[in-house]
């Protein structure tokens, strides 16, 4: 495992261990975060841990044209139960992602330090959010990093049934129109697999990043 110093550097992703941990330490500056995402690396750590940088051997991704929208979800989208916005309240989205209860997780990796770092990326135009509203209340959403033709998803939340799916489907459909080639979902997730995401080898993911 590589220990990062102040220099703006990451080792080659092939040096990650079997779990995908590549490096430890460094900081969450905009420059380091963007270098990480453009290199196929992302931060993921608990509040009581140092910053851990990951590049897993298998990468969960969605090719926009492979999006799966079930018959029931198509019906929900047609009924206009929800209103969807983009980049209207990034802070509220990431804050909700940090506090929402998730099965099998004892806490959150979205620490206060992470929240402030990604809000700074949002202010710089790199971090984007999708908000889902019902009766003028924020009930779901997601956020991630836009590196140009590839969107790196970070987290999503849902306070009512299907809200996060609506956020994701609407995002993917928007990215399809804009000719994006890939949505990075990082690690395997049954929820996203049901929407068409699948795992590819890290080498294939890195090759796709090189075209951005």
N, C-alpha and C. Protein backbone atom coordinates (compact mmCIF):
# COMPACT_ATOMS: atom_id res chain seq x y z
N UNK A 1 0.85 -1.20 0.00
CA UNK A 1 0.00 0.00 0.00
C UNK A 1 0.88 1.25 0.00
N UNK A 2 0.52 2.21 -0.81
CA UNK A 2 1.32 3.42 -0.95
C UNK A 2 0.83 4.49 0.02
N UNK A 3 1.75 5.14 0.72
CA UNK A 3 1.41 6.21 1.64
C UNK A 3 1.65 7.55 0.95
N UNK A 4 0.56 8.31 0.75
CA UNK A 4 0.64 9.57 0.04
C UNK A 4 1.21 10.67 0.93
N UNK A 5 2.02 11.51 0.31
CA UNK A 5 2.55 12.70 0.98
C UNK A 5 1.87 13.93 0.38
N UNK A 6 2.51 15.06 0.43
CA UNK A 6 1.88 16.28 -0.07
C UNK A 6 1.89 16.36 -1.59
N UNK A 7 2.81 15.62 -2.21
CA UNK A 7 2.88 15.67 -3.68
C UNK A 7 1.58 15.15 -4.29
N UNK A 8 1.21 15.74 -5.43
CA UNK A 8 -0.02 15.37 -6.11
C UNK A 8 0.28 14.17 -7.01
N UNK A 9 0.06 12.97 -6.45
CA UNK A 9 0.50 11.76 -7.14
C UNK A 9 -0.33 10.57 -6.65
N UNK A 10 -0.58 9.63 -7.57
CA UNK A 10 -1.13 8.32 -7.22
C UNK A 10 -0.31 7.25 -7.92
N UNK A 11 -0.06 6.13 -7.26
CA UNK A 11 0.60 5.02 -7.96
C UNK A 11 -0.32 4.43 -9.02
N UNK A 12 0.24 3.61 -9.88
CA UNK A 12 -0.56 2.94 -10.91
C UNK A 12 -1.61 2.06 -10.23
N UNK A 13 -2.81 2.04 -10.80
CA UNK A 13 -3.92 1.30 -10.17
C UNK A 13 -3.64 -0.20 -10.06
N UNK A 14 -2.74 -0.71 -10.88
CA UNK A 14 -2.42 -2.14 -10.80
C UNK A 14 -1.70 -2.48 -9.50
N UNK A 15 -1.26 -1.48 -8.76
CA UNK A 15 -0.58 -1.71 -7.48
C UNK A 15 -1.57 -1.85 -6.32
N UNK A 16 -2.87 -1.73 -6.59
CA UNK A 16 -3.87 -1.91 -5.54
C UNK A 16 -3.84 -3.34 -5.03
N UNK A 17 -4.24 -3.53 -3.75
CA UNK A 17 -4.26 -4.89 -3.21
C UNK A 17 -5.49 -5.64 -3.74
N UNK A 18 -5.67 -6.86 -3.29
CA UNK A 18 -6.75 -7.71 -3.81
C UNK A 18 -8.13 -7.12 -3.56
N UNK A 19 -8.26 -6.31 -2.51
CA UNK A 19 -9.54 -5.69 -2.20
C UNK A 19 -9.77 -4.40 -2.99
N UNK A 20 -8.70 -3.86 -3.54
CA UNK A 20 -8.81 -2.62 -4.30
C UNK A 20 -8.22 -1.41 -3.62
N UNK A 21 -7.65 -1.57 -2.41
CA UNK A 21 -7.03 -0.42 -1.73
C UNK A 21 -5.69 -0.12 -2.39
N UNK A 22 -5.53 1.12 -2.83
CA UNK A 22 -4.35 1.53 -3.57
C UNK A 22 -3.39 2.35 -2.73
N UNK A 23 -3.95 3.28 -1.95
CA UNK A 23 -3.10 4.22 -1.22
C UNK A 23 -3.82 4.72 0.02
N UNK A 24 -3.06 5.31 0.92
CA UNK A 24 -3.61 5.87 2.15
C UNK A 24 -3.00 7.24 2.39
N UNK A 25 -3.81 8.15 2.96
CA UNK A 25 -3.30 9.47 3.30
C UNK A 25 -3.61 10.52 2.25
N UNK A 26 -2.78 11.54 2.21
CA UNK A 26 -3.03 12.65 1.30
C UNK A 26 -4.10 13.57 1.84
N UNK A 27 -4.86 14.16 0.94
CA UNK A 27 -5.91 15.10 1.35
C UNK A 27 -7.08 15.00 0.39
N UNK A 28 -8.11 15.81 0.65
CA UNK A 28 -9.30 15.83 -0.22
C UNK A 28 -9.39 17.15 -0.97
N UNK A 29 -8.25 17.66 -1.39
CA UNK A 29 -8.25 18.90 -2.17
C UNK A 29 -8.91 18.65 -3.52
N UNK A 30 -9.48 19.70 -4.13
CA UNK A 30 -10.09 19.52 -5.46
C UNK A 30 -9.12 18.92 -6.47
N UNK A 31 -7.86 19.34 -6.42
CA UNK A 31 -6.87 18.86 -7.38
C UNK A 31 -6.64 17.36 -7.22
N UNK A 32 -6.51 16.90 -5.97
CA UNK A 32 -6.26 15.48 -5.74
C UNK A 32 -7.49 14.64 -6.08
N UNK A 33 -8.67 15.14 -5.70
CA UNK A 33 -9.89 14.40 -6.00
C UNK A 33 -10.09 14.24 -7.50
N UNK A 34 -9.89 15.30 -8.25
CA UNK A 34 -10.10 15.20 -9.70
C UNK A 34 -9.05 14.32 -10.35
N UNK A 35 -7.80 14.38 -9.87
CA UNK A 35 -6.77 13.46 -10.38
C UNK A 35 -7.18 12.02 -10.10
N UNK A 36 -7.74 11.78 -8.92
CA UNK A 36 -8.18 10.43 -8.56
C UNK A 36 -9.26 9.94 -9.52
N UNK A 37 -10.32 10.70 -9.69
CA UNK A 37 -11.43 10.25 -10.54
C UNK A 37 -10.98 10.04 -11.98
N UNK A 38 -10.11 10.91 -12.47
CA UNK A 38 -9.63 10.76 -13.84
C UNK A 38 -8.68 9.59 -13.99
N UNK A 39 -8.20 9.06 -12.86
CA UNK A 39 -7.28 7.93 -12.88
C UNK A 39 -7.97 6.62 -12.50
N UNK A 40 -9.28 6.64 -12.26
CA UNK A 40 -10.01 5.44 -11.89
C UNK A 40 -9.91 5.10 -10.41
N UNK A 41 -9.76 6.14 -9.58
CA UNK A 41 -9.55 5.98 -8.14
C UNK A 41 -10.61 6.80 -7.41
N UNK A 42 -11.06 6.31 -6.25
CA UNK A 42 -12.01 7.09 -5.46
C UNK A 42 -11.72 6.92 -3.97
N UNK A 43 -12.06 7.92 -3.14
CA UNK A 43 -11.85 7.81 -1.69
C UNK A 43 -13.04 7.12 -1.03
N UNK A 44 -12.74 6.30 -0.03
CA UNK A 44 -13.81 5.59 0.69
C UNK A 44 -13.24 5.15 2.03
N UNK A 45 -13.70 5.76 3.11
CA UNK A 45 -13.13 5.48 4.42
C UNK A 45 -14.12 5.90 5.50
N UNK A 46 -13.98 5.30 6.67
CA UNK A 46 -14.82 5.64 7.81
C UNK A 46 -14.24 6.83 8.56
N UNK A 47 -15.05 7.40 9.43
CA UNK A 47 -14.66 8.60 10.17
C UNK A 47 -13.42 8.38 11.03
N UNK A 48 -13.21 7.15 11.51
CA UNK A 48 -12.09 6.87 12.40
C UNK A 48 -10.88 6.30 11.66
N UNK A 49 -10.88 6.41 10.32
CA UNK A 49 -9.79 5.89 9.50
C UNK A 49 -9.08 7.03 8.78
N UNK A 50 -7.83 6.81 8.34
CA UNK A 50 -7.19 7.77 7.44
C UNK A 50 -7.89 7.70 6.08
N UNK A 51 -7.60 8.64 5.21
CA UNK A 51 -8.18 8.62 3.86
C UNK A 51 -7.66 7.38 3.12
N UNK A 52 -8.59 6.56 2.63
CA UNK A 52 -8.24 5.39 1.85
C UNK A 52 -8.66 5.62 0.40
N UNK A 53 -7.78 5.26 -0.53
CA UNK A 53 -8.04 5.44 -1.96
C UNK A 53 -8.15 4.07 -2.61
N UNK A 54 -9.21 3.88 -3.40
CA UNK A 54 -9.57 2.57 -3.94
C UNK A 54 -9.57 2.56 -5.47
N UNK A 55 -9.20 1.42 -6.00
CA UNK A 55 -9.40 1.11 -7.42
C UNK A 55 -9.61 -0.39 -7.52
N UNK A 56 -10.85 -0.85 -7.31
CA UNK A 56 -11.13 -2.29 -7.23
C UNK A 56 -10.86 -3.02 -8.55
N UNK A 57 -10.53 -4.31 -8.47
CA UNK A 57 -10.22 -5.08 -9.67
C UNK A 57 -11.41 -5.24 -10.62
N UNK A 58 -12.62 -5.20 -10.07
CA UNK A 58 -13.84 -5.21 -10.88
C UNK A 58 -14.55 -3.89 -10.66
N UNK A 59 -15.03 -3.29 -11.73
CA UNK A 59 -15.69 -1.99 -11.61
C UNK A 59 -17.14 -2.13 -12.04
N UNK A 60 -18.05 -1.67 -11.18
CA UNK A 60 -19.47 -1.68 -11.51
C UNK A 60 -19.77 -0.44 -12.36
N UNK A 61 -20.30 -0.64 -13.55
CA UNK A 61 -20.57 0.47 -14.46
C UNK A 61 -21.93 0.27 -15.13
N UNK A 62 -22.44 1.35 -15.67
CA UNK A 62 -23.62 1.26 -16.51
C UNK A 62 -23.33 1.95 -17.83
N UNK A 63 -23.49 1.22 -18.92
CA UNK A 63 -23.46 1.83 -20.23
C UNK A 63 -24.87 2.40 -20.46
N UNK A 64 -25.00 3.69 -20.75
CA UNK A 64 -26.32 4.32 -20.81
C UNK A 64 -27.34 3.57 -21.66
N UNK A 65 -26.88 2.98 -22.76
CA UNK A 65 -27.81 2.28 -23.65
C UNK A 65 -28.30 0.96 -23.04
N UNK A 66 -27.69 0.51 -21.95
CA UNK A 66 -28.10 -0.73 -21.29
C UNK A 66 -29.02 -0.48 -20.09
N UNK A 67 -29.45 0.75 -19.90
CA UNK A 67 -30.36 1.07 -18.81
C UNK A 67 -31.62 0.22 -18.89
N UNK A 68 -32.00 -0.38 -17.77
CA UNK A 68 -33.21 -1.19 -17.70
C UNK A 68 -34.26 -0.44 -16.88
N UNK A 69 -35.37 -0.12 -17.51
CA UNK A 69 -36.48 0.55 -16.82
C UNK A 69 -37.66 -0.42 -16.82
N UNK A 70 -38.02 -0.89 -15.65
CA UNK A 70 -39.10 -1.88 -15.54
C UNK A 70 -40.44 -1.26 -15.93
N UNK A 71 -41.40 -2.13 -16.19
CA UNK A 71 -42.75 -1.67 -16.55
C UNK A 71 -43.34 -0.83 -15.44
N UNK A 72 -43.12 -1.24 -14.18
CA UNK A 72 -43.67 -0.49 -13.05
C UNK A 72 -43.01 0.89 -12.93
N UNK A 73 -41.70 0.95 -13.20
CA UNK A 73 -41.01 2.25 -13.13
C UNK A 73 -41.44 3.16 -14.27
N UNK A 74 -41.67 2.59 -15.44
CA UNK A 74 -42.16 3.42 -16.56
C UNK A 74 -43.51 4.03 -16.20
N UNK A 75 -44.34 3.26 -15.52
CA UNK A 75 -45.65 3.75 -15.09
C UNK A 75 -45.50 4.90 -14.09
N UNK A 76 -44.58 4.73 -13.14
CA UNK A 76 -44.34 5.79 -12.14
C UNK A 76 -43.84 7.06 -12.79
N UNK A 77 -42.92 6.92 -13.75
CA UNK A 77 -42.38 8.09 -14.44
C UNK A 77 -43.46 8.81 -15.23
N UNK A 78 -44.37 8.04 -15.85
CA UNK A 78 -45.46 8.65 -16.64
C UNK A 78 -46.44 9.42 -15.76
N UNK A 79 -46.63 8.97 -14.52
CA UNK A 79 -47.61 9.59 -13.64
C UNK A 79 -47.14 10.93 -13.07
N UNK A 80 -45.86 11.24 -13.26
CA UNK A 80 -45.31 12.51 -12.76
C UNK A 80 -45.57 12.70 -11.26
N UNK A 81 -45.36 11.62 -10.51
CA UNK A 81 -45.50 11.68 -9.06
C UNK A 81 -44.42 12.58 -8.46
N UNK A 82 -43.25 12.58 -9.13
CA UNK A 82 -42.11 13.32 -8.62
C UNK A 82 -41.71 14.44 -9.59
N UNK A 83 -41.04 15.44 -9.05
CA UNK A 83 -40.39 16.48 -9.85
C UNK A 83 -38.89 16.30 -9.69
N UNK A 84 -38.17 16.32 -10.81
CA UNK A 84 -36.73 16.10 -10.78
C UNK A 84 -36.00 17.37 -11.22
N UNK A 85 -34.98 17.74 -10.45
CA UNK A 85 -34.15 18.90 -10.79
C UNK A 85 -32.68 18.49 -10.80
N UNK A 86 -31.86 19.33 -11.40
CA UNK A 86 -30.42 19.10 -11.44
C UNK A 86 -29.70 20.27 -10.76
N UNK A 87 -28.83 19.94 -9.84
CA UNK A 87 -27.95 20.94 -9.19
C UNK A 87 -28.71 22.07 -8.50
N UNK A 88 -29.88 21.76 -7.98
CA UNK A 88 -30.66 22.78 -7.29
C UNK A 88 -30.27 22.90 -5.82
N UNK A 89 -29.91 21.77 -5.18
CA UNK A 89 -29.54 21.81 -3.76
C UNK A 89 -28.54 20.70 -3.47
N UNK A 90 -27.32 20.91 -3.93
CA UNK A 90 -26.28 19.89 -3.78
C UNK A 90 -26.02 19.58 -2.32
N UNK A 91 -25.94 20.60 -1.48
CA UNK A 91 -25.65 20.39 -0.07
C UNK A 91 -26.71 19.50 0.59
N UNK A 92 -27.96 19.73 0.27
CA UNK A 92 -29.02 18.92 0.87
C UNK A 92 -28.92 17.47 0.42
N UNK A 93 -28.56 17.25 -0.84
CA UNK A 93 -28.44 15.88 -1.35
C UNK A 93 -27.31 15.14 -0.65
N UNK A 94 -26.12 15.73 -0.60
CA UNK A 94 -25.00 15.03 0.02
C UNK A 94 -25.21 14.87 1.52
N UNK A 95 -25.87 15.82 2.14
CA UNK A 95 -26.17 15.71 3.58
C UNK A 95 -27.13 14.55 3.84
N UNK A 96 -28.15 14.42 3.00
CA UNK A 96 -29.09 13.31 3.14
C UNK A 96 -28.41 11.97 2.87
N UNK A 97 -27.51 11.94 1.89
CA UNK A 97 -26.78 10.70 1.61
C UNK A 97 -25.94 10.29 2.82
N UNK A 98 -25.46 11.26 3.58
CA UNK A 98 -24.59 10.96 4.71
C UNK A 98 -25.37 10.45 5.92
N UNK A 99 -26.65 10.78 6.01
CA UNK A 99 -27.41 10.44 7.22
C UNK A 99 -28.44 9.34 7.01
N UNK A 100 -28.74 8.99 5.76
CA UNK A 100 -29.77 7.98 5.51
C UNK A 100 -29.33 6.62 6.06
N UNK A 101 -30.23 5.90 6.66
CA UNK A 101 -29.93 4.58 7.21
C UNK A 101 -29.88 3.56 6.08
N UNK A 102 -28.84 2.73 6.09
CA UNK A 102 -28.67 1.72 5.05
C UNK A 102 -28.52 0.34 5.70
N UNK A 103 -29.17 -0.65 5.11
CA UNK A 103 -29.11 -2.01 5.64
C UNK A 103 -27.67 -2.51 5.64
N UNK A 104 -27.25 -3.06 6.78
CA UNK A 104 -25.93 -3.67 6.86
C UNK A 104 -24.80 -2.70 7.09
N UNK A 105 -25.08 -1.41 7.24
CA UNK A 105 -24.03 -0.42 7.48
C UNK A 105 -24.23 0.22 8.84
N UNK A 106 -23.14 0.30 9.62
CA UNK A 106 -23.23 0.84 10.95
C UNK A 106 -23.08 2.37 10.97
N UNK A 107 -22.58 2.92 9.91
CA UNK A 107 -22.36 4.37 9.88
C UNK A 107 -22.28 4.88 8.46
N UNK A 108 -21.52 5.95 8.27
CA UNK A 108 -21.39 6.54 6.93
C UNK A 108 -19.94 6.82 6.61
N UNK A 109 -19.59 6.72 5.34
CA UNK A 109 -18.26 7.13 4.90
C UNK A 109 -18.28 8.60 4.45
N UNK A 110 -19.46 9.20 4.41
CA UNK A 110 -19.56 10.60 3.98
C UNK A 110 -19.40 11.48 5.22
N UNK A 111 -18.17 11.71 5.59
CA UNK A 111 -17.84 12.49 6.78
C UNK A 111 -18.04 13.98 6.51
N UNK A 112 -17.96 14.78 7.56
CA UNK A 112 -18.07 16.23 7.38
C UNK A 112 -16.97 16.75 6.46
N UNK A 113 -15.78 16.16 6.57
CA UNK A 113 -14.67 16.55 5.70
C UNK A 113 -15.00 16.23 4.24
N UNK A 114 -15.59 15.08 4.01
CA UNK A 114 -15.98 14.70 2.65
C UNK A 114 -17.05 15.65 2.12
N UNK A 115 -18.03 15.96 2.95
CA UNK A 115 -19.12 16.85 2.52
C UNK A 115 -18.56 18.18 2.04
N UNK A 116 -17.70 18.78 2.83
CA UNK A 116 -17.15 20.09 2.47
C UNK A 116 -16.27 20.00 1.23
N UNK A 117 -15.53 18.89 1.08
CA UNK A 117 -14.67 18.71 -0.10
C UNK A 117 -15.50 18.62 -1.38
N UNK A 118 -16.63 17.89 -1.31
CA UNK A 118 -17.45 17.72 -2.51
C UNK A 118 -18.30 18.96 -2.80
N UNK A 119 -18.65 19.70 -1.76
CA UNK A 119 -19.33 20.97 -2.00
C UNK A 119 -18.39 21.92 -2.74
N UNK A 120 -17.12 21.89 -2.40
CA UNK A 120 -16.14 22.72 -3.10
C UNK A 120 -16.04 22.28 -4.57
N UNK A 121 -16.05 20.96 -4.79
CA UNK A 121 -16.04 20.47 -6.18
C UNK A 121 -17.30 20.89 -6.93
N UNK A 122 -18.42 20.93 -6.22
CA UNK A 122 -19.66 21.39 -6.85
C UNK A 122 -19.54 22.86 -7.24
N UNK A 123 -18.98 23.66 -6.36
CA UNK A 123 -18.81 25.09 -6.65
C UNK A 123 -17.88 25.30 -7.84
N UNK A 124 -16.96 24.36 -8.06
CA UNK A 124 -16.04 24.44 -9.19
C UNK A 124 -16.64 23.85 -10.47
N UNK A 125 -17.84 23.27 -10.35
CA UNK A 125 -18.53 22.76 -11.52
C UNK A 125 -18.29 21.29 -11.83
N UNK A 126 -17.60 20.56 -10.95
CA UNK A 126 -17.30 19.15 -11.20
C UNK A 126 -18.31 18.20 -10.56
N UNK A 127 -18.70 18.48 -9.33
CA UNK A 127 -19.66 17.62 -8.64
C UNK A 127 -21.08 18.06 -8.98
N UNK A 128 -21.93 17.10 -9.33
CA UNK A 128 -23.29 17.40 -9.76
C UNK A 128 -24.30 16.63 -8.91
N UNK A 129 -25.50 17.16 -8.82
CA UNK A 129 -26.54 16.49 -8.04
C UNK A 129 -27.84 16.39 -8.84
N UNK A 130 -28.62 15.39 -8.48
CA UNK A 130 -29.97 15.24 -9.00
C UNK A 130 -30.90 15.21 -7.78
N UNK A 131 -31.94 16.03 -7.81
CA UNK A 131 -32.88 16.09 -6.69
C UNK A 131 -34.25 15.58 -7.13
N UNK A 132 -34.90 14.83 -6.25
CA UNK A 132 -36.26 14.34 -6.52
C UNK A 132 -37.17 14.91 -5.44
N UNK A 133 -38.23 15.58 -5.89
CA UNK A 133 -39.13 16.29 -4.99
C UNK A 133 -40.53 15.70 -5.07
N UNK A 134 -41.20 15.71 -3.95
CA UNK A 134 -42.62 15.33 -3.89
C UNK A 134 -43.32 16.32 -2.97
N UNK A 135 -44.31 17.01 -3.52
CA UNK A 135 -45.02 18.06 -2.76
C UNK A 135 -44.04 19.07 -2.16
N UNK A 136 -43.06 19.47 -3.00
CA UNK A 136 -42.06 20.47 -2.61
C UNK A 136 -41.11 20.00 -1.51
N UNK A 137 -41.07 18.70 -1.22
CA UNK A 137 -40.16 18.15 -0.22
C UNK A 137 -39.12 17.29 -0.92
N UNK A 138 -37.85 17.44 -0.53
CA UNK A 138 -36.78 16.62 -1.11
C UNK A 138 -36.89 15.20 -0.56
N UNK A 139 -37.18 14.25 -1.45
CA UNK A 139 -37.42 12.87 -1.01
C UNK A 139 -36.40 11.88 -1.57
N UNK A 140 -35.51 12.33 -2.43
CA UNK A 140 -34.52 11.44 -3.00
C UNK A 140 -33.51 12.22 -3.82
N UNK A 141 -32.44 11.54 -4.19
CA UNK A 141 -31.45 12.20 -5.03
C UNK A 141 -30.15 11.43 -5.09
N UNK A 142 -29.21 11.98 -5.82
CA UNK A 142 -27.89 11.39 -5.94
C UNK A 142 -26.90 12.48 -6.29
N UNK A 143 -25.61 12.15 -6.11
CA UNK A 143 -24.57 13.08 -6.54
C UNK A 143 -23.38 12.29 -7.06
N UNK A 144 -22.53 12.96 -7.83
CA UNK A 144 -21.34 12.33 -8.38
C UNK A 144 -20.46 13.36 -9.04
N UNK A 145 -19.42 12.87 -9.70
CA UNK A 145 -18.42 13.72 -10.33
C UNK A 145 -18.50 13.56 -11.84
N UNK A 146 -18.59 14.68 -12.52
CA UNK A 146 -18.67 14.70 -13.98
C UNK A 146 -17.28 14.97 -14.53
N UNK A 147 -16.70 13.97 -15.21
CA UNK A 147 -15.36 14.18 -15.76
C UNK A 147 -15.39 14.28 -17.29
N UNK A 148 -16.57 14.50 -17.84
CA UNK A 148 -16.68 14.70 -19.27
C UNK A 148 -16.90 13.40 -20.01
N UNK A 149 -18.15 13.13 -20.37
CA UNK A 149 -18.59 11.91 -21.06
C UNK A 149 -18.55 10.65 -20.19
N UNK A 150 -18.06 10.78 -18.96
CA UNK A 150 -18.20 9.74 -17.95
C UNK A 150 -18.65 10.40 -16.65
N UNK A 151 -19.71 9.85 -16.06
CA UNK A 151 -20.21 10.38 -14.79
C UNK A 151 -19.89 9.37 -13.70
N UNK A 152 -19.19 9.81 -12.67
CA UNK A 152 -18.77 8.93 -11.57
C UNK A 152 -19.75 9.09 -10.42
N UNK A 153 -20.67 8.16 -10.29
CA UNK A 153 -21.66 8.22 -9.23
C UNK A 153 -21.02 7.98 -7.87
N UNK A 154 -21.48 8.72 -6.86
CA UNK A 154 -20.93 8.59 -5.52
C UNK A 154 -21.93 7.98 -4.54
N UNK A 155 -23.10 8.56 -4.43
CA UNK A 155 -24.07 8.05 -3.46
C UNK A 155 -25.47 8.52 -3.85
N UNK A 156 -26.47 7.81 -3.33
CA UNK A 156 -27.86 8.21 -3.55
C UNK A 156 -28.66 7.96 -2.29
N UNK A 157 -29.81 8.58 -2.19
CA UNK A 157 -30.67 8.34 -1.03
C UNK A 157 -32.12 8.38 -1.47
N UNK A 158 -32.97 7.79 -0.65
CA UNK A 158 -34.40 7.75 -0.93
C UNK A 158 -35.17 7.76 0.38
N UNK A 159 -36.09 8.70 0.51
CA UNK A 159 -36.95 8.75 1.70
C UNK A 159 -38.31 8.15 1.45
N UNK A 160 -38.67 8.00 0.18
CA UNK A 160 -39.91 7.33 -0.20
C UNK A 160 -39.60 6.33 -1.29
N UNK A 161 -40.42 5.34 -1.44
CA UNK A 161 -40.21 4.27 -2.41
C UNK A 161 -39.99 4.81 -3.82
N UNK A 162 -38.93 4.31 -4.47
CA UNK A 162 -38.61 4.58 -5.88
C UNK A 162 -37.97 5.94 -6.16
N UNK A 163 -37.80 6.79 -5.14
CA UNK A 163 -37.26 8.13 -5.40
C UNK A 163 -35.84 8.08 -5.95
N UNK A 164 -34.98 7.22 -5.39
CA UNK A 164 -33.60 7.16 -5.88
C UNK A 164 -33.55 6.55 -7.28
N UNK A 165 -34.46 5.60 -7.57
CA UNK A 165 -34.52 5.04 -8.92
C UNK A 165 -34.92 6.11 -9.94
N UNK A 166 -35.86 6.95 -9.56
CA UNK A 166 -36.27 8.05 -10.45
C UNK A 166 -35.09 8.98 -10.71
N UNK A 167 -34.32 9.28 -9.66
CA UNK A 167 -33.14 10.14 -9.82
C UNK A 167 -32.15 9.52 -10.79
N UNK A 168 -31.87 8.23 -10.61
CA UNK A 168 -30.88 7.55 -11.43
C UNK A 168 -31.34 7.43 -12.87
N UNK A 169 -32.56 7.00 -13.07
CA UNK A 169 -33.08 6.83 -14.43
C UNK A 169 -33.09 8.17 -15.17
N UNK A 170 -33.54 9.22 -14.50
CA UNK A 170 -33.58 10.54 -15.13
C UNK A 170 -32.19 11.02 -15.48
N UNK A 171 -31.22 10.78 -14.58
CA UNK A 171 -29.83 11.15 -14.87
C UNK A 171 -29.33 10.42 -16.10
N UNK A 172 -29.52 9.11 -16.14
CA UNK A 172 -29.00 8.31 -17.26
C UNK A 172 -29.64 8.76 -18.58
N UNK A 173 -30.93 9.00 -18.57
CA UNK A 173 -31.59 9.45 -19.78
C UNK A 173 -31.05 10.81 -20.24
N UNK A 174 -30.76 11.67 -19.29
CA UNK A 174 -30.17 12.97 -19.61
C UNK A 174 -28.77 12.80 -20.19
N UNK A 175 -27.98 11.89 -19.61
CA UNK A 175 -26.63 11.66 -20.10
C UNK A 175 -26.63 10.99 -21.47
N UNK A 176 -27.64 10.16 -21.74
CA UNK A 176 -27.79 9.56 -23.07
C UNK A 176 -27.93 10.63 -24.13
N UNK A 177 -28.78 11.59 -23.86
CA UNK A 177 -29.01 12.69 -24.79
C UNK A 177 -27.71 13.46 -25.05
N UNK A 178 -26.90 13.58 -24.00
CA UNK A 178 -25.64 14.33 -24.09
C UNK A 178 -24.47 13.47 -24.55
N UNK A 179 -24.76 12.24 -24.98
CA UNK A 179 -23.77 11.33 -25.57
C UNK A 179 -22.68 10.89 -24.59
N UNK A 180 -23.03 10.77 -23.31
CA UNK A 180 -22.07 10.22 -22.36
C UNK A 180 -21.90 8.73 -22.61
N UNK A 181 -20.71 8.22 -22.36
CA UNK A 181 -20.41 6.83 -22.69
C UNK A 181 -20.55 5.87 -21.52
N UNK A 182 -20.50 6.39 -20.27
CA UNK A 182 -20.43 5.49 -19.13
C UNK A 182 -20.85 6.19 -17.85
N UNK A 183 -21.49 5.42 -16.96
CA UNK A 183 -21.72 5.86 -15.59
C UNK A 183 -20.96 4.91 -14.68
N UNK A 184 -20.03 5.44 -13.90
CA UNK A 184 -19.25 4.64 -12.96
C UNK A 184 -20.05 4.46 -11.68
N UNK A 185 -20.29 3.21 -11.30
CA UNK A 185 -21.03 2.90 -10.07
C UNK A 185 -20.12 2.31 -9.00
N UNK A 186 -18.82 2.27 -9.27
CA UNK A 186 -17.77 1.86 -8.34
C UNK A 186 -17.78 0.38 -8.00
N UNK A 187 -18.63 -0.05 -7.06
CA UNK A 187 -18.62 -1.45 -6.62
C UNK A 187 -20.01 -2.06 -6.78
N UNK A 188 -20.06 -3.40 -6.77
CA UNK A 188 -21.31 -4.11 -7.03
C UNK A 188 -22.41 -3.67 -6.08
N UNK A 189 -23.61 -3.51 -6.64
CA UNK A 189 -24.77 -3.06 -5.89
C UNK A 189 -26.00 -3.68 -6.55
N UNK A 190 -26.77 -4.47 -5.80
CA UNK A 190 -27.93 -5.15 -6.36
C UNK A 190 -28.94 -4.17 -6.94
N UNK A 191 -29.12 -3.05 -6.26
CA UNK A 191 -30.07 -2.02 -6.69
C UNK A 191 -29.71 -1.52 -8.09
N UNK A 192 -28.42 -1.22 -8.29
CA UNK A 192 -28.00 -0.71 -9.60
C UNK A 192 -27.93 -1.82 -10.65
N UNK A 193 -27.63 -3.04 -10.21
CA UNK A 193 -27.64 -4.16 -11.16
C UNK A 193 -29.04 -4.35 -11.76
N UNK A 194 -30.06 -4.13 -10.95
CA UNK A 194 -31.43 -4.27 -11.45
C UNK A 194 -31.76 -3.22 -12.50
N UNK A 195 -30.97 -2.14 -12.52
CA UNK A 195 -31.19 -1.07 -13.50
C UNK A 195 -30.27 -1.21 -14.72
N UNK A 196 -29.50 -2.28 -14.75
CA UNK A 196 -28.68 -2.55 -15.94
C UNK A 196 -27.18 -2.43 -15.74
N UNK A 197 -26.74 -2.05 -14.55
CA UNK A 197 -25.30 -1.94 -14.30
C UNK A 197 -24.67 -3.32 -14.23
N UNK A 198 -23.39 -3.39 -14.59
CA UNK A 198 -22.67 -4.66 -14.54
C UNK A 198 -21.19 -4.41 -14.27
N UNK A 199 -20.49 -5.47 -13.90
CA UNK A 199 -19.07 -5.34 -13.60
C UNK A 199 -18.23 -5.53 -14.86
N UNK A 200 -17.16 -4.73 -14.96
CA UNK A 200 -16.16 -4.92 -16.01
C UNK A 200 -14.79 -4.96 -15.34
N UNK A 201 -13.80 -5.43 -16.06
CA UNK A 201 -12.45 -5.48 -15.51
C UNK A 201 -11.90 -4.06 -15.34
N UNK A 202 -11.07 -3.89 -14.32
CA UNK A 202 -10.46 -2.57 -14.07
C UNK A 202 -9.71 -2.06 -15.30
N UNK A 203 -8.99 -2.94 -15.98
CA UNK A 203 -8.21 -2.51 -17.14
C UNK A 203 -9.10 -1.92 -18.22
N UNK A 204 -10.28 -2.52 -18.42
CA UNK A 204 -11.22 -2.00 -19.43
C UNK A 204 -11.75 -0.63 -19.00
N UNK A 205 -12.02 -0.47 -17.71
CA UNK A 205 -12.49 0.81 -17.20
C UNK A 205 -11.43 1.89 -17.38
N UNK A 206 -10.18 1.59 -17.03
CA UNK A 206 -9.10 2.55 -17.17
C UNK A 206 -8.92 2.95 -18.63
N UNK A 207 -9.06 1.99 -19.53
CA UNK A 207 -8.93 2.29 -20.96
C UNK A 207 -10.02 3.27 -21.41
N UNK A 208 -11.25 3.10 -20.89
CA UNK A 208 -12.32 4.01 -21.24
C UNK A 208 -12.05 5.41 -20.68
N UNK A 209 -11.47 5.47 -19.48
CA UNK A 209 -11.12 6.76 -18.90
C UNK A 209 -10.11 7.51 -19.75
N UNK A 210 -9.22 6.78 -20.40
CA UNK A 210 -8.16 7.41 -21.17
C UNK A 210 -8.68 8.16 -22.38
N UNK A 211 -9.93 7.90 -22.76
CA UNK A 211 -10.50 8.57 -23.93
C UNK A 211 -11.21 9.88 -23.56
N UNK A 212 -11.33 10.15 -22.25
CA UNK A 212 -12.03 11.37 -21.80
C UNK A 212 -11.15 12.58 -22.03
